[in-house]
C-alpha atoms as a PDB file:
ATOM      1  CA  UNK A   1     181.218   2.284 -58.966  1.00  0.00           C
ATOM      2  CA  UNK A   2     181.555  -1.111 -57.333  1.00  0.00           C
ATOM      3  CA  UNK A   3     178.959  -3.849 -57.733  1.00  0.00           C
ATOM      4  CA  UNK A   4     177.620  -3.375 -54.186  1.00  0.00           C
ATOM      5  CA  UNK A   5     177.052   0.352 -54.823  1.00  0.00           C
ATOM      6  CA  UNK A   6     175.343  -0.340 -58.140  1.00  0.00           C
ATOM      7  CA  UNK A   7     173.101  -2.910 -56.481  1.00  0.00           C
ATOM      8  CA  UNK A   8     172.208  -0.528 -53.660  1.00  0.00           C
ATOM      9  CA  UNK A   9     171.354   2.241 -56.139  1.00  0.00           C
ATOM     10  CA  UNK A  10     169.227  -0.172 -58.167  1.00  0.00           C
ATOM     11  CA  UNK A  11     167.207  -1.340 -55.163  1.00  0.00           C
ATOM     12  CA  UNK A  12     166.833   2.239 -53.883  1.00  0.00           C
ATOM     13  CA  UNK A  13     165.330   3.231 -57.244  1.00  0.00           C
ATOM     14  CA  UNK A  14     162.962   0.232 -57.081  1.00  0.00           C
ATOM     15  CA  UNK A  15     161.971   1.245 -53.547  1.00  0.00           C
ATOM     16  CA  UNK A  16     161.225   4.771 -54.795  1.00  0.00           C
ATOM     17  CA  UNK A  17     159.333   3.453 -57.835  1.00  0.00           C
ATOM     18  CA  UNK A  18     157.051   1.445 -55.537  1.00  0.00           C
ATOM     19  CA  UNK A  19     155.994   4.636 -53.727  1.00  0.00           C
ATOM     20  CA  UNK A  20     155.630   6.555 -56.980  1.00  0.00           C
ATOM     21  CA  UNK A  21     153.371   3.838 -58.392  1.00  0.00           C
ATOM     22  CA  UNK A  22     151.045   4.413 -55.422  1.00  0.00           C
ATOM     23  CA  UNK A  23     151.110   8.168 -56.032  1.00  0.00           C
ATOM     24  CA  UNK A  24     153.252   8.941 -52.981  1.00  0.00           C
ATOM     25  CA  UNK A  25     156.613  10.579 -52.448  1.00  0.00           C
ATOM     26  CA  UNK A  26     159.036   8.222 -50.687  1.00  0.00           C
ATOM     27  CA  UNK A  27     159.645   9.127 -47.025  1.00  0.00           C
ATOM     28  CA  UNK A  28     162.640  11.375 -46.542  1.00  0.00           C
ATOM     29  CA  UNK A  29     162.690  12.588 -50.155  1.00  0.00           C
ATOM     30  CA  UNK A  30     161.373  15.713 -51.827  1.00  0.00           C
ATOM     31  CA  UNK A  31     160.162  16.337 -55.364  1.00  0.00           C
ATOM     32  CA  UNK A  32     163.555  17.933 -56.064  1.00  0.00           C
ATOM     33  CA  UNK A  33     165.305  14.735 -54.919  1.00  0.00           C
ATOM     34  CA  UNK A  34     163.176  12.679 -57.302  1.00  0.00           C
ATOM     35  CA  UNK A  35     163.965  15.058 -60.141  1.00  0.00           C
ATOM     36  CA  UNK A  36     167.709  14.784 -59.380  1.00  0.00           C
ATOM     37  CA  UNK A  37     167.408  10.978 -59.553  1.00  0.00           C
ATOM     38  CA  UNK A  38     165.608  11.230 -62.889  1.00  0.00           C
ATOM     39  CA  UNK A  39     162.381   9.805 -61.490  1.00  0.00           C
ATOM     40  CA  UNK A  40     158.919  11.174 -62.323  1.00  0.00           C
ATOM     41  CA  UNK A  41     156.763  13.026 -59.835  1.00  0.00           C
ATOM     42  CA  UNK A  42     154.079  10.840 -58.237  1.00  0.00           C
ATOM     43  CA  UNK A  43     150.656  10.734 -59.837  1.00  0.00           C
ATOM     44  CA  UNK A  44     147.898  12.377 -57.849  1.00  0.00           C
ATOM     45  CA  UNK A  45     146.027   9.890 -55.719  1.00  0.00           C
ATOM     46  CA  UNK A  46     143.027  10.332 -53.471  1.00  0.00           C
ATOM     47  CA  UNK A  47     144.296   8.089 -50.695  1.00  0.00           C
ATOM     48  CA  UNK A  48     147.256   8.655 -48.409  1.00  0.00           C
ATOM     49  CA  UNK A  49     148.682   6.124 -45.995  1.00  0.00           C
ATOM     50  CA  UNK A  50     150.992   6.663 -43.035  1.00  0.00           C
ATOM     51  CA  UNK A  51     154.140   4.635 -43.537  1.00  0.00           C
ATOM     52  CA  UNK A  52     157.282   4.415 -41.430  1.00  0.00           C
ATOM     53  CA  UNK A  53     159.977   6.917 -42.304  1.00  0.00           C
ATOM     54  CA  UNK A  54     163.138   5.824 -44.014  1.00  0.00           C
ATOM     55  CA  UNK A  55     166.252   6.077 -41.846  1.00  0.00           C
ATOM     56  CA  UNK A  56     167.916   9.474 -42.259  1.00  0.00           C
ATOM     57  CA  UNK A  57     171.421   8.084 -42.455  1.00  0.00           C
ATOM     58  CA  UNK A  58     172.810   5.776 -45.064  1.00  0.00           C
ATOM     59  CA  UNK A  59     174.268   2.764 -43.248  1.00  0.00           C
ATOM     60  CA  UNK A  60     176.232   1.547 -46.274  1.00  0.00           C
ATOM     61  CA  UNK A  61     179.496   3.201 -47.258  1.00  0.00           C
ATOM     62  CA  UNK A  62     181.554   2.007 -50.194  1.00  0.00           C
ATOM     63  CA  UNK A  63     185.259   1.888 -49.454  1.00  0.00           C
ATOM     64  CA  UNK A  64     186.460   0.686 -52.834  1.00  0.00           C
ATOM     65  CA  UNK A  65     188.538   3.142 -54.851  1.00  0.00           C
ATOM     66  CA  UNK A  66     186.996   4.848 -57.848  1.00  0.00           C
ATOM     67  CA  UNK A  67     188.185   3.490 -61.134  1.00  0.00           C
END
């Protein structure tokens, strides 16, 4: 994996962790997606906020060859 891909994965996990810390599932993801990423399910929280949805398509594509 190239450095740009590793960085993108790292920041995506941080983005998800921010939602999970608030007890929410990140927009566009399911509990199964979180489990596949190795992230915990969100803690139950009494408050829910409407947040903008994450874009459905990934705009970054790595074109470096696998090593």
